[in-house]
Amino acid sequence: MKSFQDIVKVFEEVISSRTLEKAVFSRPLDKSVKKTVAKLFKKGNDVLCQIERFTTDNKAHHENIPASDAPARLAEMAMQEYVQSDIFSKDGFCEILVSKKGHIHIADKRTQTKESAPAEIAEHNREKHYILDAEAHAAFLSRLGVSDEKGRVFEKKRSKFKQINRFLELLDDVYDKLPSDGVLTVCDLCCGKSYLTFAVYYYLTEIKKREVTMFGVDLKADVIAYCESVARELDCKGLTFLCGDITAFLPNTRVDLVISLHACDIATDIVLDFAVREKARVLLSTPCCHHEMMRQLKAPSLSFVAKHSMLKQKLCDAATDALRGLKLEANGYIVDMPELIDAEETPKNLMIRAYLSEKVDPAARSLAKKQYLAAAEFLGVTPYLGLMQ
């Protein structure tokens, strides 16, 4: 019968020989975890093991430990935290299964030849690979004050650069929900200085090689005039900026993609209402402040939370976005709410991401509507988004 020490031995062999390519731990006992991946990397003269744990809230948690400590740590994870552990090495593959009763099965298909060359261990690269490369895409980034003309991102704009890249990553995840051919119609509502407008335009036209008709809409005339001048200067065909109230904006064609970045308070609801009304195929919206529910909340059973202003604010933030999600689901959208960017960069780090379901499910839509109405009644609120379809 296999024991814990047998698991330790496998990890010792692949780590000491430097033949480990990666170890993937899946079927976790903790349901808040998706999986964990372990890899070796170099930092100076040291070899470390990076343990990257992915959780169901779409976050990744990193921990780096000395390679000498890794066998025992990884074996403990395989034994106590996961049902399945897959080890990929230069010598082959090894699978470890641990039953609920603690029975261990090791299917070791490594060749275990002494002549095997160690796997190349990459240097730890602290610079994240971004969809938007500042040096390659310096033109609009420099015009908007994110970088200099050589593509070097200004320190004070580094958070903005990370933010728009993360937005593109989240868009890239649902790109396949957009039509695969033809001209894409895109609307950026409350576009402001239009960092996001230009980034998404570049992503679609230069990276995905699509033809677009894109609108940036905002109330600030001077900002819109500047963005329009930048678009003309960079010859952004199909990109138009409009000064006006987004409630009055009426596109003349079916909308494929609606985006917004930190539209304040009920402006986010107006964006969502627009997307639903136009039957937009994909929506990505990051809320900003949530003042409306702060003024309306009347839920006696939650008074123990609401009596503390900071807790009330967090409650209203979460409840408002949860209601928004239900409203979208009631209108046939598939919704998730991933993290936009680390809270250390900005507290406004939630994205409402949704795409129109290909199949109509009347029961699911009806349930979402009932849940929305029940939640609004419980909270004692009548949100603006209640006016939506």
Foldseek 3Di string as FASTA:
>chain_A
DDDLVVQLVVLCVCLVLQFFAKKKFAAWPPQQWGIWMWGWADEVPFIWIWIWTAGPLGDIDIDIDGSVPPSNVVSCCCQPTGQWMWTQGQQGIKIWGADPVGDIDIDDPGPPDPPDHRDDHYHDDPDDDFPDQQQVPVQVCCLLPQAPNRRHGDPVNVLVVLLLRLVVVVCVVCVVLFDPADEAEEEEEQCFLNPNVVSVLCCCCPVVVHHYQYEYEHQDPVSQVSVQVSCVVVVSPNYHYDHDDPLPDDDPDQHAEYEYEADEACSQLSSLLVCLVSVHFKYKYQHHAHVQLLVFFDAVVCVVQVVDPVSVRVVSVVLVVVLSLLLVQLSQKDWDKHFSDDVVSPVSTIMIIIGHDPDDDNVRSVVSVVVSVVSCVNRRHDDPSVPHD
